[in-house]
């Protein structure tokens, strides 16, 4: 997509602090980290949202899920991490290029995202 910021990062038109890259996926550090480790793992293929995923994307999504723990550990998440895929406006998606946030590091447990209502 012509105006997609993540597509521009993949093409090198916008600088990023790269974590990993291959033919299918690109990972880079978040500009506004919420934890000691916070990077995005994105497909190079522009898919606007998880809501736009089709059967033909199965292997690509599988690769993202398989690479998340490997890259998280390499970045210092030795005792767990959180994976977040915001989907759509209500889901908090701000950039419409499918991306997984990988968040962790440090020694403290990450805050609860959705409080228990019981």
PDB file of N, CA and C in Angstrom:
ATOM      1  N   UNK A   1       0.846  -1.187   0.000  1.00  0.00           N
ATOM      2  CA  UNK A   1       0.000   0.000   0.000  1.00  0.00           C
ATOM      3  C   UNK A   1       0.884   1.241   0.000  1.00  0.00           C
ATOM      4  N   UNK A   2       0.511   2.171  -0.785  1.00  0.00           N
ATOM      5  CA  UNK A   2       1.309   3.370  -1.029  1.00  0.00           C
ATOM      6  C   UNK A   2       1.555   4.223   0.214  1.00  0.00           C
ATOM      7  N   UNK A   3       0.552   4.394   1.067  1.00  0.00           N
ATOM      8  CA  UNK A   3       0.685   5.276   2.224  1.00  0.00           C
ATOM      9  C   UNK A   3       0.854   4.537   3.541  1.00  0.00           C
ATOM     10  N   UNK A   4       1.060   3.249   3.501  1.00  0.00           N
ATOM     11  CA  UNK A   4       1.189   2.447   4.722  1.00  0.00           C
ATOM     12  C   UNK A   4       2.575   2.656   5.334  1.00  0.00           C
ATOM     13  N   UNK A   5       2.596   3.107   6.579  1.00  0.00           N
ATOM     14  CA  UNK A   5       3.870   3.383   7.246  1.00  0.00           C
ATOM     15  C   UNK A   5       4.704   2.109   7.400  1.00  0.00           C
ATOM     16  N   UNK A   6       4.064   0.967   7.663  1.00  0.00           N
ATOM     17  CA  UNK A   6       4.826  -0.270   7.817  1.00  0.00           C
ATOM     18  C   UNK A   6       5.382  -0.740   6.481  1.00  0.00           C
ATOM     19  N   UNK A   7       4.640  -0.550   5.399  1.00  0.00           N
ATOM     20  CA  UNK A   7       5.169  -0.893   4.072  1.00  0.00           C
ATOM     21  C   UNK A   7       6.391  -0.024   3.762  1.00  0.00           C
ATOM     22  N   UNK A   8       6.351   1.246   4.170  1.00  0.00           N
ATOM     23  CA  UNK A   8       7.490   2.140   3.953  1.00  0.00           C
ATOM     24  C   UNK A   8       8.687   1.712   4.799  1.00  0.00           C
ATOM     25  N   UNK A   9       8.439   1.226   6.016  1.00  0.00           N
ATOM     26  CA  UNK A   9       9.523   0.717   6.862  1.00  0.00           C
ATOM     27  C   UNK A   9      10.146  -0.512   6.214  1.00  0.00           C
ATOM     28  N   UNK A  10       9.326  -1.419   5.705  1.00  0.00           N
ATOM     29  CA  UNK A  10       9.827  -2.622   5.036  1.00  0.00           C
ATOM     30  C   UNK A  10      10.714  -2.251   3.852  1.00  0.00           C
ATOM     31  N   UNK A  11      10.304  -1.241   3.079  1.00  0.00           N
ATOM     32  CA  UNK A  11      11.063  -0.811   1.892  1.00  0.00           C
ATOM     33  C   UNK A  11      12.304   0.001   2.249  1.00  0.00           C
ATOM     34  N   UNK A  12      12.455   0.374   3.526  1.00  0.00           N
ATOM     35  CA  UNK A  12      13.596   1.178   3.936  1.00  0.00           C
ATOM     36  C   UNK A  12      13.394   2.663   3.708  1.00  0.00           C
ATOM     37  N   UNK A  13      12.192   3.083   3.369  1.00  0.00           N
ATOM     38  CA  UNK A  13      11.893   4.502   3.149  1.00  0.00           C
ATOM     39  C   UNK A  13      11.780   5.261   4.473  1.00  0.00           C
ATOM     40  N   UNK A  14      11.459   4.541   5.531  1.00  0.00           N
ATOM     41  CA  UNK A  14      11.412   5.098   6.884  1.00  0.00           C
ATOM     42  C   UNK A  14      12.357   4.249   7.724  1.00  0.00           C
ATOM     43  N   UNK A  15      13.269   4.881   8.447  1.00  0.00           N
ATOM     44  CA  UNK A  15      14.226   4.091   9.233  1.00  0.00           C
ATOM     45  C   UNK A  15      13.555   3.355  10.392  1.00  0.00           C
ATOM     46  N   UNK A  16      14.137   2.227  10.740  1.00  0.00           N
ATOM     47  CA  UNK A  16      13.670   1.465  11.890  1.00  0.00           C
ATOM     48  C   UNK A  16      14.865   0.742  12.497  1.00  0.00           C
ATOM     49  N   UNK A  17      14.675   0.310  13.715  1.00  0.00           N
ATOM     50  CA  UNK A  17      15.696  -0.494  14.380  1.00  0.00           C
ATOM     51  C   UNK A  17      15.292  -1.956  14.201  1.00  0.00           C
ATOM     52  N   UNK A  18      15.869  -2.572  13.164  1.00  0.00           N
ATOM     53  CA  UNK A  18      15.465  -3.911  12.750  1.00  0.00           C
ATOM     54  C   UNK A  18      15.890  -4.968  13.764  1.00  0.00           C
ATOM     55  N   UNK A  19      14.965  -5.899  14.011  1.00  0.00           N
ATOM     56  CA  UNK A  19      15.219  -7.072  14.843  1.00  0.00           C
ATOM     57  C   UNK A  19      15.497  -8.279  13.953  1.00  0.00           C
ATOM     58  N   UNK A  20      14.723  -8.403  12.868  1.00  0.00           N
ATOM     59  CA  UNK A  20      14.836  -9.573  11.999  1.00  0.00           C
ATOM     60  C   UNK A  20      14.181  -9.261  10.654  1.00  0.00           C
ATOM     61  N   UNK A  21      14.694  -9.910   9.598  1.00  0.00           N
ATOM     62  CA  UNK A  21      14.066  -9.793   8.295  1.00  0.00           C
ATOM     63  C   UNK A  21      14.385 -11.023   7.470  1.00  0.00           C
ATOM     64  N   UNK A  22      13.379 -11.512   6.756  1.00  0.00           N
ATOM     65  CA  UNK A  22      13.588 -12.526   5.729  1.00  0.00           C
ATOM     66  C   UNK A  22      12.641 -12.207   4.571  1.00  0.00           C
ATOM     67  N   UNK A  23      12.414 -13.136   3.687  1.00  0.00           N
ATOM     68  CA  UNK A  23      11.571 -12.867   2.512  1.00  0.00           C
ATOM     69  C   UNK A  23      10.113 -12.608   2.856  1.00  0.00           C
ATOM     70  N   UNK A  24       9.663 -13.113   4.006  1.00  0.00           N
ATOM     71  CA  UNK A  24       8.241 -13.060   4.346  1.00  0.00           C
ATOM     72  C   UNK A  24       7.877 -12.117   5.476  1.00  0.00           C
ATOM     73  N   UNK A  25       8.765 -11.954   6.437  1.00  0.00           N
ATOM     74  CA  UNK A  25       8.439 -11.174   7.636  1.00  0.00           C
ATOM     75  C   UNK A  25       9.524 -10.150   7.959  1.00  0.00           C
ATOM     76  N   UNK A  26       9.133  -9.172   8.734  1.00  0.00           N
ATOM     77  CA  UNK A  26      10.036  -8.108   9.165  1.00  0.00           C
ATOM     78  C   UNK A  26       9.706  -7.821  10.626  1.00  0.00           C
ATOM     79  N   UNK A  27      10.716  -7.671  11.445  1.00  0.00           N
ATOM     80  CA  UNK A  27      10.519  -7.337  12.858  1.00  0.00           C
ATOM     81  C   UNK A  27      11.369  -6.125  13.200  1.00  0.00           C
ATOM     82  N   UNK A  28      10.796  -5.205  13.962  1.00  0.00           N
ATOM     83  CA  UNK A  28      11.507  -3.986  14.330  1.00  0.00           C
ATOM     84  C   UNK A  28      11.008  -3.479  15.670  1.00  0.00           C
ATOM     85  N   UNK A  29      11.866  -2.737  16.361  1.00  0.00           N
ATOM     86  CA  UNK A  29      11.524  -2.197  17.677  1.00  0.00           C
ATOM     87  C   UNK A  29      10.457  -1.116  17.572  1.00  0.00           C
ATOM     88  N   UNK A  30       9.550  -1.124  18.535  1.00  0.00           N
ATOM     89  CA  UNK A  30       8.503  -0.111  18.610  1.00  0.00           C
ATOM     90  C   UNK A  30       9.129   1.229  18.988  1.00  0.00           C
ATOM     91  N   UNK A  31       8.655   2.300  18.381  1.00  0.00           N
ATOM     92  CA  UNK A  31       9.172   3.641  18.705  1.00  0.00           C
ATOM     93  C   UNK A  31       8.782   4.100  20.098  1.00  0.00           C
ATOM     94  N   UNK A  32       7.689   3.566  20.622  1.00  0.00           N
ATOM     95  CA  UNK A  32       7.194   3.947  21.945  1.00  0.00           C
ATOM     96  C   UNK A  32       7.004   2.686  22.791  1.00  0.00           C
ATOM     97  N   UNK A  33       8.115   2.077  23.216  1.00  0.00           N
ATOM     98  CA  UNK A  33       8.009   0.808  23.937  1.00  0.00           C
ATOM     99  C   UNK A  33       7.297   0.952  25.280  1.00  0.00           C
ATOM    100  N   UNK A  34       6.545  -0.084  25.635  1.00  0.00           N
ATOM    101  CA  UNK A  34       5.840  -0.105  26.916  1.00  0.00           C
ATOM    102  C   UNK A  34       6.498  -1.064  27.904  1.00  0.00           C
ATOM    103  N   UNK A  35       7.598  -1.684  27.481  1.00  0.00           N
ATOM    104  CA  UNK A  35       8.346  -2.624  28.321  1.00  0.00           C
ATOM    105  C   UNK A  35       9.784  -2.650  27.799  1.00  0.00           C
ATOM    106  N   UNK A  36      10.695  -3.250  28.564  1.00  0.00           N
ATOM    107  CA  UNK A  36      12.091  -3.306  28.100  1.00  0.00           C
ATOM    108  C   UNK A  36      12.248  -3.928  26.711  1.00  0.00           C
ATOM    109  N   UNK A  37      11.416  -4.904  26.387  1.00  0.00           N
ATOM    110  CA  UNK A  37      11.392  -5.476  25.037  1.00  0.00           C
ATOM    111  C   UNK A  37      10.019  -5.169  24.446  1.00  0.00           C
ATOM    112  N   UNK A  38      10.009  -4.530  23.300  1.00  0.00           N
ATOM    113  CA  UNK A  38       8.748  -4.238  22.602  1.00  0.00           C
ATOM    114  C   UNK A  38       9.071  -4.066  21.130  1.00  0.00           C
ATOM    115  N   UNK A  39       8.733  -5.083  20.370  1.00  0.00           N
ATOM    116  CA  UNK A  39       8.956  -5.003  18.927  1.00  0.00           C
ATOM    117  C   UNK A  39       7.719  -5.491  18.188  1.00  0.00           C
ATOM    118  N   UNK A  40       7.656  -5.157  16.908  1.00  0.00           N
ATOM    119  CA  UNK A  40       6.572  -5.584  16.035  1.00  0.00           C
ATOM    120  C   UNK A  40       7.090  -6.684  15.134  1.00  0.00           C
ATOM    121  N   UNK A  41       6.239  -7.627  14.858  1.00  0.00           N
ATOM    122  CA  UNK A  41       6.525  -8.685  13.893  1.00  0.00           C
ATOM    123  C   UNK A  41       5.416  -8.595  12.852  1.00  0.00           C
ATOM    124  N   UNK A  42       5.801  -8.294  11.600  1.00  0.00           N
ATOM    125  CA  UNK A  42       4.808  -8.026  10.563  1.00  0.00           C
ATOM    126  C   UNK A  42       5.090  -8.837   9.310  1.00  0.00           C
ATOM    127  N   UNK A  43       4.038  -9.156   8.559  1.00  0.00           N
ATOM    128  CA  UNK A  43       4.274  -9.771   7.258  1.00  0.00           C
ATOM    129  C   UNK A  43       4.725  -8.704   6.276  1.00  0.00           C
ATOM    130  N   UNK A  44       5.573  -9.077   5.340  1.00  0.00           N
ATOM    131  CA  UNK A  44       5.954  -8.130   4.292  1.00  0.00           C
ATOM    132  C   UNK A  44       4.789  -7.898   3.331  1.00  0.00           C
ATOM    133  N   UNK A  45       3.964  -8.896   3.170  1.00  0.00           N
ATOM    134  CA  UNK A  45       2.760  -8.760   2.368  1.00  0.00           C
ATOM    135  C   UNK A  45       1.795  -7.848   3.115  1.00  0.00           C
ATOM    136  N   UNK A  46       1.284  -6.836   2.438  1.00  0.00           N
ATOM    137  CA  UNK A  46       0.341  -5.937   3.100  1.00  0.00           C
ATOM    138  C   UNK A  46      -1.000  -6.640   3.281  1.00  0.00           C
ATOM    139  N   UNK A  47      -1.321  -6.894   4.528  1.00  0.00           N
ATOM    140  CA  UNK A  47      -2.639  -7.376   4.934  1.00  0.00           C
ATOM    141  C   UNK A  47      -3.113  -6.344   5.946  1.00  0.00           C
ATOM    142  N   UNK A  48      -4.230  -5.720   5.690  1.00  0.00           N
ATOM    143  CA  UNK A  48      -4.654  -4.585   6.515  1.00  0.00           C
ATOM    144  C   UNK A  48      -4.879  -4.958   7.976  1.00  0.00           C
ATOM    145  N   UNK A  49      -5.451  -6.115   8.238  1.00  0.00           N
ATOM    146  CA  UNK A  49      -5.856  -6.447   9.595  1.00  0.00           C
ATOM    147  C   UNK A  49      -6.020  -7.955   9.719  1.00  0.00           C
ATOM    148  N   UNK A  50      -6.045  -8.459  10.926  1.00  0.00           N
ATOM    149  CA  UNK A  50      -6.324  -9.875  11.146  1.00  0.00           C
ATOM    150  C   UNK A  50      -7.694 -10.223  10.573  1.00  0.00           C
ATOM    151  N   UNK A  51      -8.569  -9.259  10.532  1.00  0.00           N
ATOM    152  CA  UNK A  51      -9.910  -9.442   9.980  1.00  0.00           C
ATOM    153  C   UNK A  51      -9.876  -9.688   8.465  1.00  0.00           C
ATOM    154  N   UNK A  52      -8.763  -9.401   7.814  1.00  0.00           N
ATOM    155  CA  UNK A  52      -8.624  -9.579   6.368  1.00  0.00           C
ATOM    156  C   UNK A  52      -7.839 -10.829   5.987  1.00  0.00           C
ATOM    157  N   UNK A  53      -7.484 -11.644   6.953  1.00  0.00           N
ATOM    158  CA  UNK A  53      -6.710 -12.848   6.699  1.00  0.00           C
ATOM    159  C   UNK A  53      -7.587 -13.875   5.972  1.00  0.00           C
ATOM    160  N   UNK A  54      -6.960 -14.556   5.030  1.00  0.00           N
ATOM    161  CA  UNK A  54      -7.645 -15.597   4.257  1.00  0.00           C
ATOM    162  C   UNK A  54      -6.863 -16.904   4.379  1.00  0.00           C
ATOM    163  N   UNK A  55      -7.466 -17.967   3.905  1.00  0.00           N
ATOM    164  CA  UNK A  55      -6.838 -19.286   3.933  1.00  0.00           C
ATOM    165  C   UNK A  55      -5.448 -19.258   3.307  1.00  0.00           C
ATOM    166  N   UNK A  56      -5.272 -18.474   2.248  1.00  0.00           N
ATOM    167  CA  UNK A  56      -3.980 -18.410   1.557  1.00  0.00           C
ATOM    168  C   UNK A  56      -2.873 -17.822   2.421  1.00  0.00           C
ATOM    169  N   UNK A  57      -3.201 -17.202   3.555  1.00  0.00           N
ATOM    170  CA  UNK A  57      -2.219 -16.597   4.459  1.00  0.00           C
ATOM    171  C   UNK A  57      -1.795 -17.532   5.593  1.00  0.00           C
ATOM    172  N   UNK A  58      -2.301 -18.750   5.592  1.00  0.00           N
ATOM    173  CA  UNK A  58      -2.059 -19.679   6.702  1.00  0.00           C
ATOM    174  C   UNK A  58      -0.572 -19.855   7.005  1.00  0.00           C
ATOM    175  N   UNK A  59       0.243 -20.140   6.006  1.00  0.00           N
ATOM    176  CA  UNK A  59       1.674 -20.365   6.239  1.00  0.00           C
ATOM    177  C   UNK A  59       2.372 -19.107   6.736  1.00  0.00           C
ATOM    178  N   UNK A  60       1.978 -17.966   6.220  1.00  0.00           N
ATOM    179  CA  UNK A  60       2.572 -16.704   6.653  1.00  0.00           C
ATOM    180  C   UNK A  60       2.260 -16.427   8.121  1.00  0.00           C
ATOM    181  N   UNK A  61       1.011 -16.639   8.514  1.00  0.00           N
ATOM    182  CA  UNK A  61       0.640 -16.440   9.923  1.00  0.00           C
ATOM    183  C   UNK A  61       1.332 -17.455  10.819  1.00  0.00           C
ATOM    184  N   UNK A  62       1.461 -18.681  10.327  1.00  0.00           N
ATOM    185  CA  UNK A  62       2.177 -19.694  11.090  1.00  0.00           C
ATOM    186  C   UNK A  62       3.623 -19.299  11.319  1.00  0.00           C
ATOM    187  N   UNK A  63       4.239 -18.720  10.313  1.00  0.00           N
ATOM    188  CA  UNK A  63       5.625 -18.282  10.446  1.00  0.00           C
ATOM    189  C   UNK A  63       5.744 -17.192  11.505  1.00  0.00           C
ATOM    190  N   UNK A  64       4.803 -16.265  11.519  1.00  0.00           N
ATOM    191  CA  UNK A  64       4.823 -15.190  12.523  1.00  0.00           C
ATOM    192  C   UNK A  64       4.712 -15.780  13.926  1.00  0.00           C
ATOM    193  N   UNK A  65       3.800 -16.724  14.102  1.00  0.00           N
ATOM    194  CA  UNK A  65       3.615 -17.339  15.425  1.00  0.00           C
ATOM    195  C   UNK A  65       4.851 -18.147  15.829  1.00  0.00           C
ATOM    196  N   UNK A  66       5.481 -18.821  14.886  1.00  0.00           N
ATOM    197  CA  UNK A  66       6.686 -19.592  15.199  1.00  0.00           C
ATOM    198  C   UNK A  66       7.886 -18.701  15.512  1.00  0.00           C
ATOM    199  N   UNK A  67       7.986 -17.564  14.837  1.00  0.00           N
ATOM    200  CA  UNK A  67       9.125 -16.674  15.052  1.00  0.00           C
ATOM    201  C   UNK A  67       8.982 -15.826  16.315  1.00  0.00           C
ATOM    202  N   UNK A  68       7.771 -15.569  16.762  1.00  0.00           N
ATOM    203  CA  UNK A  68       7.570 -14.713  17.937  1.00  0.00           C
ATOM    204  C   UNK A  68       8.385 -15.176  19.149  1.00  0.00           C
ATOM    205  N   UNK A  69       8.292 -16.434  19.586  1.00  0.00           N
ATOM    206  CA  UNK A  69       9.081 -16.827  20.763  1.00  0.00           C
ATOM    207  C   UNK A  69      10.582 -16.834  20.518  1.00  0.00           C
ATOM    208  N   UNK A  70      10.993 -17.208  19.326  1.00  0.00           N
ATOM    209  CA  UNK A  70      12.424 -17.230  19.011  1.00  0.00           C
ATOM    210  C   UNK A  70      13.005 -15.824  19.117  1.00  0.00           C
ATOM    211  N   UNK A  71      12.358 -14.868  18.469  1.00  0.00           N
ATOM    212  CA  UNK A  71      12.855 -13.489  18.502  1.00  0.00           C
ATOM    213  C   UNK A  71      12.713 -12.877  19.895  1.00  0.00           C
ATOM    214  N   UNK A  72      11.636 -13.197  20.585  1.00  0.00           N
ATOM    215  CA  UNK A  72      11.444 -12.671  21.945  1.00  0.00           C
ATOM    216  C   UNK A  72      12.593 -13.109  22.851  1.00  0.00           C
ATOM    217  N   UNK A  73      12.950 -14.371  22.791  1.00  0.00           N
ATOM    218  CA  UNK A  73      14.057 -14.870  23.609  1.00  0.00           C
ATOM    219  C   UNK A  73      15.369 -14.211  23.227  1.00  0.00           C
ATOM    220  N   UNK A  74      15.602 -14.044  21.919  1.00  0.00           N
ATOM    221  CA  UNK A  74      16.832 -13.378  21.472  1.00  0.00           C
ATOM    222  C   UNK A  74      16.900 -11.934  21.960  1.00  0.00           C
ATOM    223  N   UNK A  75      15.762 -11.294  22.143  1.00  0.00           N
ATOM    224  CA  UNK A  75      15.716  -9.901  22.594  1.00  0.00           C
ATOM    225  C   UNK A  75      15.743  -9.776  24.120  1.00  0.00           C
ATOM    226  N   UNK A  76      15.703 -10.901  24.835  1.00  0.00           N
ATOM    227  CA  UNK A  76      15.830 -10.843  26.291  1.00  0.00           C
ATOM    228  C   UNK A  76      14.610 -11.266  27.072  1.00  0.00           C
ATOM    229  N   UNK A  77      13.596 -11.778  26.422  1.00  0.00           N
ATOM    230  CA  UNK A  77      12.405 -12.255  27.135  1.00  0.00           C
ATOM    231  C   UNK A  77      12.641 -13.700  27.559  1.00  0.00           C
ATOM    232  N   UNK A  78      13.331 -13.854  28.688  1.00  0.00           N
ATOM    233  CA  UNK A  78      13.717 -15.187  29.134  1.00  0.00           C
ATOM    234  C   UNK A  78      12.672 -15.840  30.036  1.00  0.00           C
ATOM    235  N   UNK A  79      11.687 -15.057  30.501  1.00  0.00           N
ATOM    236  CA  UNK A  79      10.692 -15.595  31.427  1.00  0.00           C
ATOM    237  C   UNK A  79       9.276 -15.278  30.950  1.00  0.00           C
ATOM    238  N   UNK A  80       9.089 -15.282  29.639  1.00  0.00           N
ATOM    239  CA  UNK A  80       7.764 -15.041  29.084  1.00  0.00           C
ATOM    240  C   UNK A  80       7.650 -13.696  28.382  1.00  0.00           C
ATOM    241  N   UNK A  81       6.569 -13.546  27.653  1.00  0.00           N
ATOM    242  CA  UNK A  81       6.299 -12.324  26.906  1.00  0.00           C
ATOM    243  C   UNK A  81       4.826 -12.301  26.556  1.00  0.00           C
ATOM    244  N   UNK A  82       4.361 -11.172  26.090  1.00  0.00           N
ATOM    245  CA  UNK A  82       2.971 -11.017  25.655  1.00  0.00           C
ATOM    246  C   UNK A  82       2.965 -10.758  24.161  1.00  0.00           C
ATOM    247  N   UNK A  83       2.006 -11.382  23.480  1.00  0.00           N
ATOM    248  CA  UNK A  83       1.810 -11.169  22.052  1.00  0.00           C
ATOM    249  C   UNK A  83       0.432 -10.541  21.867  1.00  0.00           C
ATOM    250  N   UNK A  84       0.392  -9.400  21.190  1.00  0.00           N
ATOM    251  CA  UNK A  84      -0.874  -8.690  20.999  1.00  0.00           C
ATOM    252  C   UNK A  84      -1.062  -8.389  19.523  1.00  0.00           C
ATOM    253  N   UNK A  85      -2.239  -8.718  19.013  1.00  0.00           N
ATOM    254  CA  UNK A  85      -2.630  -8.312  17.666  1.00  0.00           C
ATOM    255  C   UNK A  85      -3.933  -7.533  17.816  1.00  0.00           C
ATOM    256  N   UNK A  86      -3.848  -6.218  17.735  1.00  0.00           N
ATOM    257  CA  UNK A  86      -5.042  -5.384  17.784  1.00  0.00           C
ATOM    258  C   UNK A  86      -5.734  -5.476  16.428  1.00  0.00           C
ATOM    259  N   UNK A  87      -7.048  -5.606  16.448  1.00  0.00           N
ATOM    260  CA  UNK A  87      -7.794  -5.802  15.207  1.00  0.00           C
ATOM    261  C   UNK A  87      -8.949  -4.816  15.117  1.00  0.00           C
ATOM    262  N   UNK A  88      -8.898  -3.956  14.123  1.00  0.00           N
ATOM    263  CA  UNK A  88      -9.973  -2.992  13.888  1.00  0.00           C
ATOM    264  C   UNK A  88      -9.995  -1.846  14.884  1.00  0.00           C
ATOM    265  N   UNK A  89     -10.866  -0.909  14.630  1.00  0.00           N
ATOM    266  CA  UNK A  89     -10.964   0.300  15.452  1.00  0.00           C
ATOM    267  C   UNK A  89     -11.274  -0.022  16.912  1.00  0.00           C
ATOM    268  N   UNK A  90     -12.285  -0.842  17.148  1.00  0.00           N
ATOM    269  CA  UNK A  90     -12.669  -1.175  18.515  1.00  0.00           C
ATOM    270  C   UNK A  90     -11.573  -1.978  19.210  1.00  0.00           C
ATOM    271  N   UNK A  91     -10.835  -2.777  18.444  1.00  0.00           N
ATOM    272  CA  UNK A  91      -9.734  -3.562  19.005  1.00  0.00           C
ATOM    273  C   UNK A  91      -8.466  -2.762  19.244  1.00  0.00           C
ATOM    274  N   UNK A  92      -8.500  -1.470  18.915  1.00  0.00           N
ATOM    275  CA  UNK A  92      -7.355  -0.601  19.187  1.00  0.00           C
ATOM    276  C   UNK A  92      -6.315  -0.549  18.088  1.00  0.00           C
ATOM    277  N   UNK A  93      -6.625  -1.078  16.901  1.00  0.00           N
ATOM    278  CA  UNK A  93      -5.651  -1.038  15.813  1.00  0.00           C
ATOM    279  C   UNK A  93      -5.494   0.396  15.328  1.00  0.00           C
ATOM    280  N   UNK A  94      -4.251   0.852  15.258  1.00  0.00           N
ATOM    281  CA  UNK A  94      -3.960   2.217  14.816  1.00  0.00           C
ATOM    282  C   UNK A  94      -3.329   2.248  13.433  1.00  0.00           C
ATOM    283  N   UNK A  95      -2.545   1.249  13.109  1.00  0.00           N
ATOM    284  CA  UNK A  95      -1.910   1.166  11.788  1.00  0.00           C
ATOM    285  C   UNK A  95      -2.489  -0.050  11.082  1.00  0.00           C
ATOM    286  N   UNK A  96      -3.063   0.178   9.923  1.00  0.00           N
ATOM    287  CA  UNK A  96      -3.753  -0.890   9.208  1.00  0.00           C
ATOM    288  C   UNK A  96      -2.823  -1.662   8.280  1.00  0.00           C
ATOM    289  N   UNK A  97      -1.892  -2.339   8.936  1.00  0.00           N
ATOM    290  CA  UNK A  97      -1.018  -3.360   8.357  1.00  0.00           C
ATOM    291  C   UNK A  97      -0.886  -4.367   9.490  1.00  0.00           C
ATOM    292  N   UNK A  98      -1.313  -5.590   9.254  1.00  0.00           N
ATOM    293  CA  UNK A  98      -1.299  -6.611  10.291  1.00  0.00           C
ATOM    294  C   UNK A  98       0.044  -6.610  11.019  1.00  0.00           C
ATOM    295  N   UNK A  99       0.010  -6.574  12.342  1.00  0.00           N
ATOM    296  CA  UNK A  99       1.241  -6.602  13.114  1.00  0.00           C
ATOM    297  C   UNK A  99       0.992  -7.192  14.494  1.00  0.00           C
ATOM    298  N   UNK A 100       1.978  -7.927  14.955  1.00  0.00           N
ATOM    299  CA  UNK A 100       1.947  -8.491  16.302  1.00  0.00           C
ATOM    300  C   UNK A 100       2.944  -7.716  17.149  1.00  0.00           C
ATOM    301  N   UNK A 101       2.476  -7.218  18.288  1.00  0.00           N
ATOM    302  CA  UNK A 101       3.366  -6.598  19.276  1.00  0.00           C
ATOM    303  C   UNK A 101       3.918  -7.730  20.137  1.00  0.00           C
ATOM    304  N   UNK A 102       5.214  -7.773  20.318  1.00  0.00           N
ATOM    305  CA  UNK A 102       5.866  -8.722  21.218  1.00  0.00           C
ATOM    306  C   UNK A 102       6.423  -7.879  22.355  1.00  0.00           C
ATOM    307  N   UNK A 103       5.950  -8.140  23.572  1.00  0.00           N
ATOM    308  CA  UNK A 103       6.242  -7.272  24.719  1.00  0.00           C
ATOM    309  C   UNK A 103       6.701  -8.120  25.896  1.00  0.00           C
ATOM    310  N   UNK A 104       7.786  -7.707  26.540  1.00  0.00           N
ATOM    311  CA  UNK A 104       8.257  -8.424  27.719  1.00  0.00           C
ATOM    312  C   UNK A 104       9.582  -7.889  28.194  1.00  0.00           C
ATOM    313  N   UNK A 105      10.383  -8.773  28.741  1.00  0.00           N
ATOM    314  CA  UNK A 105      11.678  -8.381  29.285  1.00  0.00           C
ATOM    315  C   UNK A 105      11.520  -7.895  30.711  1.00  0.00           C
ATOM    316  N   UNK A 106      12.614  -7.618  31.316  1.00  0.00           N
ATOM    317  CA  UNK A 106      12.571  -7.186  32.712  1.00  0.00           C
ATOM    318  C   UNK A 106      12.243  -8.346  33.629  1.00  0.00           C
ATOM    319  N   UNK A 107      12.041  -8.021  34.901  1.00  0.00           N
ATOM    320  CA  UNK A 107      11.774  -9.057  35.897  1.00  0.00           C
ATOM    321  C   UNK A 107      10.363  -8.995  36.455  1.00  0.00           C
ATOM    322  N   UNK A 108       9.659  -7.918  36.200  1.00  0.00           N
ATOM    323  CA  UNK A 108       8.302  -7.754  36.732  1.00  0.00           C
ATOM    324  C   UNK A 108       7.273  -8.330  35.766  1.00  0.00           C
ATOM    325  N   UNK A 109       6.226  -8.882  36.335  1.00  0.00           N
ATOM    326  CA  UNK A 109       5.118  -9.388  35.519  1.00  0.00           C
ATOM    327  C   UNK A 109       4.436  -8.212  34.831  1.00  0.00           C
ATOM    328  N   UNK A 110       4.063  -8.403  33.580  1.00  0.00           N
ATOM    329  CA  UNK A 110       3.353  -7.358  32.845  1.00  0.00           C
ATOM    330  C   UNK A 110       1.993  -7.116  33.498  1.00  0.00           C
ATOM    331  N   UNK A 111       1.500  -5.886  33.437  1.00  0.00           N
ATOM    332  CA  UNK A 111       0.205  -5.596  34.057  1.00  0.00           C
ATOM    333  C   UNK A 111      -0.926  -6.380  33.412  1.00  0.00           C
ATOM    334  N   UNK A 112      -1.952  -6.650  34.187  1.00  0.00           N
ATOM    335  CA  UNK A 112      -3.137  -7.318  33.685  1.00  0.00           C
ATOM    336  C   UNK A 112      -3.798  -6.422  32.662  1.00  0.00           C
ATOM    337  N   UNK A 113      -4.173  -6.983  31.526  1.00  0.00           N
ATOM    338  CA  UNK A 113      -4.796  -6.184  30.475  1.00  0.00           C
ATOM    339  C   UNK A 113      -6.299  -6.033  30.703  1.00  0.00           C
ATOM    340  N   UNK A 114      -6.948  -7.106  31.081  1.00  0.00           N
ATOM    341  CA  UNK A 114      -8.393  -7.085  31.299  1.00  0.00           C
ATOM    342  C   UNK A 114      -8.628  -7.617  32.716  1.00  0.00           C
ATOM    343  N   UNK A 115      -9.035  -6.729  33.641  1.00  0.00           N
ATOM    344  CA  UNK A 115      -9.225  -7.160  35.027  1.00  0.00           C
ATOM    345  C   UNK A 115     -10.303  -8.233  35.160  1.00  0.00           C
ATOM    346  N   UNK A 116     -10.100  -9.132  36.074  1.00  0.00           N
ATOM    347  CA  UNK A 116     -11.079 -10.170  36.385  1.00  0.00           C
ATOM    348  C   UNK A 116     -12.299  -9.514  37.008  1.00  0.00           C
ATOM    349  N   UNK A 117     -13.458  -9.771  36.477  1.00  0.00           N
ATOM    350  CA  UNK A 117     -14.695  -9.128  36.940  1.00  0.00           C
ATOM    351  C   UNK A 117     -15.450  -9.980  37.960  1.00  0.00           C
ATOM    352  N   UNK A 118     -14.874 -11.087  38.421  1.00  0.00           N
ATOM    353  CA  UNK A 118     -15.597 -11.952  39.366  1.00  0.00           C
ATOM    354  C   UNK A 118     -15.549 -11.448  40.781  1.00  0.00           C
TER     355      UNK A 118
END
